[in-house]
N, C-alpha and C. Protein backbone atom coordinates (compact mmCIF):
# COMPACT_ATOMS: atom_id res chain seq x y z
N MET A 1 -11.96 1.68 -32.79
CA MET A 1 -11.10 0.63 -32.26
C MET A 1 -11.37 0.50 -30.75
N PHE A 2 -11.62 -0.71 -30.30
CA PHE A 2 -11.90 -0.98 -28.90
C PHE A 2 -10.64 -1.51 -28.23
N VAL A 3 -10.26 -0.89 -27.11
CA VAL A 3 -9.08 -1.32 -26.36
C VAL A 3 -9.54 -2.00 -25.08
N GLN A 4 -9.05 -3.20 -24.85
CA GLN A 4 -9.40 -3.93 -23.64
C GLN A 4 -8.75 -3.26 -22.43
N PRO A 5 -9.50 -3.00 -21.39
CA PRO A 5 -8.88 -2.43 -20.19
C PRO A 5 -7.98 -3.46 -19.52
N THR A 6 -6.86 -3.01 -19.03
CA THR A 6 -5.97 -3.90 -18.29
C THR A 6 -6.37 -3.88 -16.83
N HIS A 7 -6.20 -4.97 -16.18
CA HIS A 7 -6.55 -5.05 -14.76
C HIS A 7 -5.29 -4.89 -13.94
N SER A 8 -4.77 -3.70 -13.97
CA SER A 8 -3.56 -3.35 -13.24
C SER A 8 -3.93 -2.92 -11.83
N THR A 9 -3.08 -3.30 -10.86
CA THR A 9 -3.34 -2.87 -9.49
C THR A 9 -2.98 -1.41 -9.31
N ALA A 10 -2.35 -0.79 -10.31
CA ALA A 10 -2.06 0.64 -10.22
C ALA A 10 -3.36 1.44 -10.26
N THR A 11 -4.38 0.91 -10.92
CA THR A 11 -5.66 1.59 -10.98
C THR A 11 -6.68 0.99 -10.03
N HIS A 12 -6.40 -0.17 -9.51
CA HIS A 12 -7.31 -0.83 -8.56
C HIS A 12 -6.62 -0.91 -7.21
N PRO A 13 -7.08 -0.13 -6.25
CA PRO A 13 -6.41 -0.13 -4.94
C PRO A 13 -6.59 -1.45 -4.20
N LEU A 14 -5.59 -1.76 -3.38
CA LEU A 14 -5.63 -2.95 -2.54
C LEU A 14 -6.24 -2.61 -1.19
N THR A 15 -6.93 -3.55 -0.62
CA THR A 15 -7.43 -3.43 0.75
C THR A 15 -6.25 -3.69 1.69
N PRO A 16 -6.40 -3.42 2.98
CA PRO A 16 -5.33 -3.78 3.91
C PRO A 16 -4.99 -5.27 3.87
N ILE A 17 -5.97 -6.11 3.61
CA ILE A 17 -5.71 -7.56 3.51
C ILE A 17 -4.82 -7.85 2.30
N GLY A 18 -5.13 -7.21 1.17
CA GLY A 18 -4.32 -7.39 -0.03
C GLY A 18 -2.92 -6.85 0.14
N ALA A 19 -2.80 -5.69 0.79
CA ALA A 19 -1.49 -5.09 1.03
C ALA A 19 -0.67 -5.96 1.98
N ALA A 20 -1.33 -6.53 2.98
CA ALA A 20 -0.64 -7.41 3.93
C ALA A 20 -0.12 -8.66 3.22
N ALA A 21 -0.93 -9.22 2.33
CA ALA A 21 -0.50 -10.39 1.58
C ALA A 21 0.66 -10.04 0.65
N TYR A 22 0.60 -8.88 0.03
CA TYR A 22 1.66 -8.44 -0.88
C TYR A 22 2.98 -8.25 -0.15
N LEU A 23 2.93 -7.65 1.05
CA LEU A 23 4.15 -7.36 1.80
C LEU A 23 4.55 -8.46 2.77
N GLY A 24 3.66 -9.43 2.99
CA GLY A 24 3.96 -10.51 3.93
C GLY A 24 3.91 -10.05 5.37
N LEU A 25 3.01 -9.12 5.67
CA LEU A 25 2.86 -8.59 7.02
C LEU A 25 1.45 -8.83 7.53
N ASP A 26 1.25 -8.59 8.81
CA ASP A 26 -0.07 -8.71 9.42
C ASP A 26 -0.93 -7.51 9.02
N VAL A 27 -2.22 -7.72 8.91
CA VAL A 27 -3.16 -6.66 8.54
C VAL A 27 -3.11 -5.50 9.54
N LYS A 28 -3.01 -5.81 10.82
CA LYS A 28 -2.96 -4.75 11.84
C LYS A 28 -1.70 -3.91 11.70
N THR A 29 -0.60 -4.54 11.32
CA THR A 29 0.65 -3.80 11.10
C THR A 29 0.50 -2.84 9.92
N ILE A 30 -0.13 -3.31 8.85
CA ILE A 30 -0.35 -2.48 7.66
C ILE A 30 -1.17 -1.24 8.04
N THR A 31 -2.26 -1.45 8.74
CA THR A 31 -3.14 -0.34 9.12
C THR A 31 -2.44 0.62 10.08
N ARG A 32 -1.71 0.08 11.05
CA ARG A 32 -1.01 0.93 12.01
C ARG A 32 0.07 1.76 11.32
N TRP A 33 0.86 1.14 10.44
CA TRP A 33 1.91 1.86 9.73
C TRP A 33 1.32 2.94 8.81
N ALA A 34 0.17 2.65 8.21
CA ALA A 34 -0.48 3.65 7.35
C ALA A 34 -0.96 4.84 8.18
N ARG A 35 -1.55 4.56 9.34
CA ARG A 35 -2.01 5.64 10.23
C ARG A 35 -0.84 6.50 10.69
N GLN A 36 0.31 5.88 10.94
CA GLN A 36 1.50 6.59 11.41
C GLN A 36 2.24 7.31 10.28
N GLY A 37 1.85 7.05 9.03
CA GLY A 37 2.51 7.69 7.91
C GLY A 37 3.77 6.98 7.45
N TYR A 38 4.05 5.82 8.01
CA TYR A 38 5.25 5.06 7.66
C TYR A 38 5.08 4.34 6.32
N LEU A 39 3.88 3.91 6.04
CA LEU A 39 3.55 3.17 4.82
C LEU A 39 2.64 4.02 3.95
N PRO A 40 2.89 4.09 2.64
CA PRO A 40 2.02 4.90 1.79
C PRO A 40 0.63 4.29 1.68
N GLY A 41 -0.36 5.03 2.12
CA GLY A 41 -1.74 4.56 2.09
C GLY A 41 -2.68 5.73 1.90
N HIS A 42 -3.90 5.42 1.55
CA HIS A 42 -4.90 6.44 1.27
C HIS A 42 -6.14 6.18 2.12
N PRO A 43 -6.39 7.04 3.13
CA PRO A 43 -7.57 6.85 3.97
C PRO A 43 -8.83 7.33 3.26
N LEU A 44 -9.88 6.58 3.39
CA LEU A 44 -11.18 6.95 2.84
C LEU A 44 -12.13 7.13 4.00
N GLY A 45 -12.87 8.21 3.98
CA GLY A 45 -13.82 8.48 5.05
C GLY A 45 -13.26 9.45 6.06
N GLU A 46 -14.11 9.83 6.97
CA GLU A 46 -13.73 10.80 8.00
C GLU A 46 -13.93 10.17 9.37
N GLY A 47 -13.38 10.83 10.35
CA GLY A 47 -13.54 10.35 11.71
C GLY A 47 -12.46 9.36 12.10
N LYS A 48 -12.69 8.68 13.21
CA LYS A 48 -11.70 7.77 13.74
C LYS A 48 -11.53 6.53 12.87
N ARG A 49 -12.63 5.99 12.39
CA ARG A 49 -12.57 4.78 11.56
C ARG A 49 -12.43 5.17 10.10
N LYS A 50 -11.32 4.79 9.51
CA LYS A 50 -11.09 5.07 8.11
C LYS A 50 -10.90 3.76 7.37
N PHE A 51 -11.25 3.77 6.12
CA PHE A 51 -11.01 2.62 5.26
C PHE A 51 -9.75 2.92 4.47
N TRP A 52 -8.75 2.08 4.62
CA TRP A 52 -7.47 2.32 3.97
C TRP A 52 -7.39 1.56 2.65
N ARG A 53 -6.78 2.20 1.66
CA ARG A 53 -6.51 1.56 0.37
C ARG A 53 -5.06 1.84 0.01
N PHE A 54 -4.47 0.90 -0.71
CA PHE A 54 -3.06 0.94 -1.05
C PHE A 54 -2.89 0.62 -2.53
N PHE A 55 -1.92 1.26 -3.16
CA PHE A 55 -1.60 0.97 -4.55
C PHE A 55 -0.33 0.13 -4.60
N GLU A 56 -0.39 -0.96 -5.36
CA GLU A 56 0.75 -1.87 -5.45
C GLU A 56 2.00 -1.14 -5.92
N SER A 57 1.86 -0.21 -6.86
CA SER A 57 3.02 0.52 -7.37
C SER A 57 3.69 1.33 -6.25
N GLU A 58 2.89 1.94 -5.38
CA GLU A 58 3.44 2.70 -4.26
C GLU A 58 4.10 1.78 -3.23
N LEU A 59 3.48 0.64 -2.99
CA LEU A 59 4.07 -0.32 -2.05
C LEU A 59 5.38 -0.87 -2.60
N LYS A 60 5.41 -1.13 -3.89
CA LYS A 60 6.63 -1.64 -4.52
C LYS A 60 7.75 -0.62 -4.42
N GLU A 61 7.43 0.65 -4.66
CA GLU A 61 8.41 1.72 -4.56
C GLU A 61 8.89 1.88 -3.11
N TRP A 62 7.97 1.82 -2.16
CA TRP A 62 8.30 1.91 -0.73
C TRP A 62 9.22 0.76 -0.34
N LEU A 63 8.88 -0.44 -0.78
CA LEU A 63 9.66 -1.62 -0.46
C LEU A 63 11.06 -1.55 -1.06
N SER A 64 11.17 -1.11 -2.30
CA SER A 64 12.49 -1.01 -2.93
C SER A 64 13.33 0.06 -2.25
N GLY A 65 12.70 1.11 -1.75
CA GLY A 65 13.42 2.12 -0.99
C GLY A 65 13.97 1.57 0.31
N LYS A 66 13.23 0.66 0.93
CA LYS A 66 13.70 0.04 2.17
C LYS A 66 14.84 -0.93 1.89
N ASN A 67 14.79 -1.65 0.77
CA ASN A 67 15.80 -2.64 0.43
C ASN A 67 17.08 -2.00 -0.10
N ASN A 68 16.98 -0.82 -0.72
CA ASN A 68 18.15 -0.18 -1.34
C ASN A 68 18.85 0.79 -0.41
N ARG A 69 18.41 0.88 0.79
CA ARG A 69 18.99 1.81 1.76
C ARG A 69 20.39 1.32 2.11
N SER A 70 21.35 2.22 2.04
CA SER A 70 22.73 1.82 2.41
C SER A 70 22.92 1.98 3.90
N ASP A 71 23.75 1.16 4.45
CA ASP A 71 24.03 1.17 5.89
C ASP A 71 24.98 2.32 6.20
N PRO A 72 24.57 3.29 7.05
CA PRO A 72 25.41 4.45 7.33
C PRO A 72 26.66 4.13 8.13
N SER A 73 26.75 2.95 8.74
CA SER A 73 27.92 2.64 9.58
C SER A 73 29.06 2.07 8.79
């Protein structure tokens, strides 16, 4: 039996451009937040220049965590 692969973004990482489009932010903001550890991202490569990749499922979870935060005041 042959099963068609699904084209889920959970298995296909997004580039910073794709992540920026998904979150409605600037590409530089996405990269800066990933470097700072604020946004879940995965650096590829070594040294100063890294190629960042993002999973839509992680971004969705991060975003829902930001939206569901209760106001402490």
